[in-house]
C-alpha atoms as a PDB file:
ATOM      1  CA  MET A   1     113.146  43.317 -77.585  1.00  0.00           C
ATOM      2  CA  ILE A   2     111.275  42.377 -80.754  1.00  0.00           C
ATOM      3  CA  ASN A   3     109.035  45.442 -80.453  1.00  0.00           C
ATOM      4  CA  VAL A   4     112.093  47.723 -80.288  1.00  0.00           C
ATOM      5  CA  LEU A   5     113.587  46.036 -83.349  1.00  0.00           C
ATOM      6  CA  ILE A   6     110.322  46.410 -85.262  1.00  0.00           C
ATOM      7  CA  LYS A   7     110.156  50.114 -84.369  1.00  0.00           C
ATOM      8  CA  ILE A   8     113.731  50.659 -85.591  1.00  0.00           C
ATOM      9  CA  ILE A   9     113.029  48.842 -88.855  1.00  0.00           C
ATOM     10  CA  ASN A  10     109.838  50.847 -89.374  1.00  0.00           C
ATOM     11  CA  LYS A  11     111.724  54.109 -88.852  1.00  0.00           C
ATOM     12  CA  ILE A  12     114.406  53.085 -91.344  1.00  0.00           C
ATOM     13  CA  LEU A  13     111.789  52.087 -93.929  1.00  0.00           C
ATOM     14  CA  PHE A  14     109.925  55.347 -93.346  1.00  0.00           C
ATOM     15  CA  LEU A  15     113.086  57.382 -93.927  1.00  0.00           C
ATOM     16  CA  LEU A  16     113.902  55.430 -97.077  1.00  0.00           C
ATOM     17  CA  PHE A  17     110.373  55.983 -98.350  1.00  0.00           C
ATOM     18  CA  ILE A  18     110.610  59.732 -97.649  1.00  0.00           C
ATOM     19  CA  LEU A  19     114.107  60.222 -99.104  1.00  0.00           C
ATOM     20  CA  TYR A  20     113.880  57.953-102.174  1.00  0.00           C
ATOM     21  CA  PRO A  21     111.605  60.221-104.263  1.00  0.00           C
ATOM     22  CA  PHE A  22     114.080  63.062-103.836  1.00  0.00           C
ATOM     23  CA  SER A  23     117.010  61.076-105.168  1.00  0.00           C
ATOM     24  CA  VAL A  24     118.474  62.561-108.306  1.00  0.00           C
ATOM     25  CA  TYR A  25     118.847  60.240-111.237  1.00  0.00           C
ATOM     26  CA  ALA A  26     118.480  60.267-114.964  1.00  0.00           C
ATOM     27  CA  ASP A  27     114.959  60.210-116.307  1.00  0.00           C
ATOM     28  CA  CYS A  28     114.856  58.767-119.809  1.00  0.00           C
ATOM     29  CA  LYS A  29     112.908  60.512-122.523  1.00  0.00           C
ATOM     30  CA  ILE A  30     112.223  59.896-126.182  1.00  0.00           C
ATOM     31  CA  VAL A  31     113.509  62.276-128.843  1.00  0.00           C
ATOM     32  CA  ASN A  32     113.688  61.907-132.592  1.00  0.00           C
ATOM     33  CA  LEU A  33     117.015  61.538-134.385  1.00  0.00           C
ATOM     34  CA  GLN A  34     117.240  65.228-135.303  1.00  0.00           C
ATOM     35  CA  GLU A  35     116.615  66.295-131.691  1.00  0.00           C
ATOM     36  CA  PHE A  36     119.216  63.793-130.518  1.00  0.00           C
ATOM     37  CA  GLU A  37     121.825  65.108-132.950  1.00  0.00           C
ATOM     38  CA  LYS A  38     121.111  68.639-131.699  1.00  0.00           C
ATOM     39  CA  LEU A  39     121.646  67.496-128.087  1.00  0.00           C
ATOM     40  CA  VAL A  40     124.947  65.866-129.051  1.00  0.00           C
ATOM     41  CA  GLU A  41     126.071  69.036-130.817  1.00  0.00           C
ATOM     42  CA  GLU A  42     125.127  71.212-127.806  1.00  0.00           C
ATOM     43  CA  LYS A  43     126.964  68.983-125.301  1.00  0.00           C
ATOM     44  CA  SER A  44     130.000  68.291-127.503  1.00  0.00           C
ATOM     45  CA  PRO A  45     132.505  67.023-126.572  1.00  0.00           C
ATOM     46  CA  VAL A  46     130.333  64.237-125.188  1.00  0.00           C
ATOM     47  CA  THR A  47     130.429  60.504-124.577  1.00  0.00           C
ATOM     48  CA  LEU A  48     127.462  58.453-125.739  1.00  0.00           C
ATOM     49  CA  ILE A  49     126.863  55.440-123.518  1.00  0.00           C
ATOM     50  CA  PHE A  50     124.661  52.797-125.130  1.00  0.00           C
ATOM     51  CA  PHE A  51     123.128  50.164-122.862  1.00  0.00           C
ATOM     52  CA  SER A  52     120.171  47.817-122.479  1.00  0.00           C
ATOM     53  CA  THR A  53     118.494  46.941-119.230  1.00  0.00           C
ATOM     54  CA  TRP A  54     118.592  43.186-119.922  1.00  0.00           C
ATOM     55  CA  CYS A  55     122.368  43.219-120.497  1.00  0.00           C
ATOM     56  CA  SER A  56     124.451  42.316-117.423  1.00  0.00           C
ATOM     57  CA  ASP A  57     127.649  43.686-119.008  1.00  0.00           C
ATOM     58  CA  CYS A  58     125.815  46.974-119.568  1.00  0.00           C
ATOM     59  CA  ILE A  59     124.901  47.153-115.897  1.00  0.00           C
ATOM     60  CA  GLU A  60     128.555  46.676-114.949  1.00  0.00           C
ATOM     61  CA  SER A  61     129.537  49.348-117.466  1.00  0.00           C
ATOM     62  CA  LEU A  62     127.039  51.778-115.932  1.00  0.00           C
ATOM     63  CA  LYS A  63     128.512  51.141-112.481  1.00  0.00           C
ATOM     64  CA  ALA A  64     131.949  52.029-113.882  1.00  0.00           C
ATOM     65  CA  THR A  65     130.501  55.133-115.547  1.00  0.00           C
ATOM     66  CA  LYS A  66     129.232  56.327-112.177  1.00  0.00           C
ATOM     67  CA  LYS A  67     132.798  56.133-110.815  1.00  0.00           C
ATOM     68  CA  ASP A  68     134.493  57.644-113.894  1.00  0.00           C
ATOM     69  CA  GLU A  69     135.191  61.244-112.899  1.00  0.00           C
ATOM     70  CA  SER A  70     136.869  61.988-116.240  1.00  0.00           C
ATOM     71  CA  LEU A  71     133.428  62.038-117.881  1.00  0.00           C
ATOM     72  CA  ASN A  72     132.512  65.007-115.686  1.00  0.00           C
ATOM     73  CA  LYS A  73     128.822  64.310-116.339  1.00  0.00           C
ATOM     74  CA  ASN A  74     129.421  65.161-119.979  1.00  0.00           C
ATOM     75  CA  TYR A  75     127.676  62.095-121.284  1.00  0.00           C
ATOM     76  CA  ILE A  76     124.370  61.020-122.747  1.00  0.00           C
ATOM     77  CA  ILE A  77     123.013  57.633-121.754  1.00  0.00           C
ATOM     78  CA  VAL A  78     121.178  55.877-124.566  1.00  0.00           C
ATOM     79  CA  SER A  79     118.924  53.017-123.558  1.00  0.00           C
ATOM     80  CA  THR A  80     118.422  50.917-126.673  1.00  0.00           C
ATOM     81  CA  PHE A  81     117.583  47.477-128.041  1.00  0.00           C
ATOM     82  CA  ASN A  82     114.194  46.762-126.446  1.00  0.00           C
ATOM     83  CA  SER A  83     114.633  48.695-123.212  1.00  0.00           C
ATOM     84  CA  ASP A  84     111.599  50.449-121.763  1.00  0.00           C
ATOM     85  CA  PHE A  85     111.090  53.559-119.602  1.00  0.00           C
ATOM     86  CA  LYS A  86     110.319  51.754-116.384  1.00  0.00           C
ATOM     87  CA  SER A  87     113.256  49.359-116.444  1.00  0.00           C
ATOM     88  CA  ALA A  88     115.730  51.974-117.768  1.00  0.00           C
ATOM     89  CA  ASN A  89     114.779  54.488-115.086  1.00  0.00           C
ATOM     90  CA  LYS A  90     114.921  51.787-112.397  1.00  0.00           C
ATOM     91  CA  VAL A  91     118.450  50.722-113.396  1.00  0.00           C
ATOM     92  CA  LEU A  92     119.655  54.325-113.396  1.00  0.00           C
ATOM     93  CA  ALA A  93     117.989  55.041-110.046  1.00  0.00           C
ATOM     94  CA  ASP A  94     119.362  51.854-108.480  1.00  0.00           C
ATOM     95  CA  PHE A  95     122.908  53.002-109.239  1.00  0.00           C
ATOM     96  CA  GLY A  96     122.317  56.712-108.589  1.00  0.00           C
ATOM     97  CA  ILE A  97     123.242  57.641-112.142  1.00  0.00           C
ATOM     98  CA  ASP A  98     122.097  61.075-113.179  1.00  0.00           C
ATOM     99  CA  GLY A  99     122.456  62.970-116.400  1.00  0.00           C
ATOM    100  CA  LEU A 100     120.688  62.938-119.710  1.00  0.00           C
ATOM    101  CA  CYS A 101     119.082  59.645-120.733  1.00  0.00           C
ATOM    102  CA  ILE A 102     117.455  58.970-124.083  1.00  0.00           C
ATOM    103  CA  LEU A 103     115.248  55.964-124.764  1.00  0.00           C
ATOM    104  CA  ASP A 104     116.101  54.763-128.271  1.00  0.00           C
ATOM    105  CA  LYS A 105     112.702  53.174-128.811  1.00  0.00           C
ATOM    106  CA  ASN A 106     113.213  51.968-132.395  1.00  0.00           C
ATOM    107  CA  SER A 107     117.021  51.658-132.214  1.00  0.00           C
ATOM    108  CA  GLU A 108     117.185  54.586-134.655  1.00  0.00           C
ATOM    109  CA  ILE A 109     120.034  56.252-132.763  1.00  0.00           C
ATOM    110  CA  ALA A 110     121.967  52.988-132.454  1.00  0.00           C
ATOM    111  CA  LYS A 111     121.664  52.452-136.212  1.00  0.00           C
ATOM    112  CA  LYS A 112     122.848  56.015-136.910  1.00  0.00           C
ATOM    113  CA  TYR A 113     126.061  55.398-134.937  1.00  0.00           C
ATOM    114  CA  GLY A 114     126.553  51.823-136.174  1.00  0.00           C
ATOM    115  CA  ILE A 115     125.912  50.233-132.773  1.00  0.00           C
ATOM    116  CA  LYS A 116     125.235  46.515-133.161  1.00  0.00           C
ATOM    117  CA  SER A 117     125.869  45.384-129.598  1.00  0.00           C
ATOM    118  CA  VAL A 118     125.923  46.799-126.091  1.00  0.00           C
ATOM    119  CA  PRO A 119     127.532  48.042-123.934  1.00  0.00           C
ATOM    120  CA  HIS A 120     129.159  50.547-126.228  1.00  0.00           C
ATOM    121  CA  LYS A 121     130.681  54.003-125.706  1.00  0.00           C
ATOM    122  CA  ILE A 122     131.458  56.618-128.329  1.00  0.00           C
ATOM    123  CA  SER A 123     133.246  59.912-127.723  1.00  0.00           C
ATOM    124  CA  ILE A 124     132.170  62.749-129.982  1.00  0.00           C
ATOM    125  CA  SER A 125     133.730  66.183-130.329  1.00  0.00           C
ATOM    126  CA  LYS A 126     133.089  68.963-132.795  1.00  0.00           C
END
């Protein structure tokens, strides 16, 4: 009985290991402020979603974003205030959130838009 259970668990883990790398999720990248503004202009109208990986309210906000069909994937996720690539990408992968993600390494983007706390959303249209 235990051997059968172990075999089933091993098969499940194997499938998870095979399928996980093919999951689609946002992959954060760094851009300068001018490149970011160009992205915003190209995607406009767009919603900017500012979050930090250490912020529990931000995590809840990202979960809601995943369910919000009105955004229609027309959003840019901005990981700011001391977030790093590894943790930002992990959070997005854990919740299956895809789309464009920018790592705001020096909080330059947050400063530009007057963001002083997270979570925060801004809608921008031309």
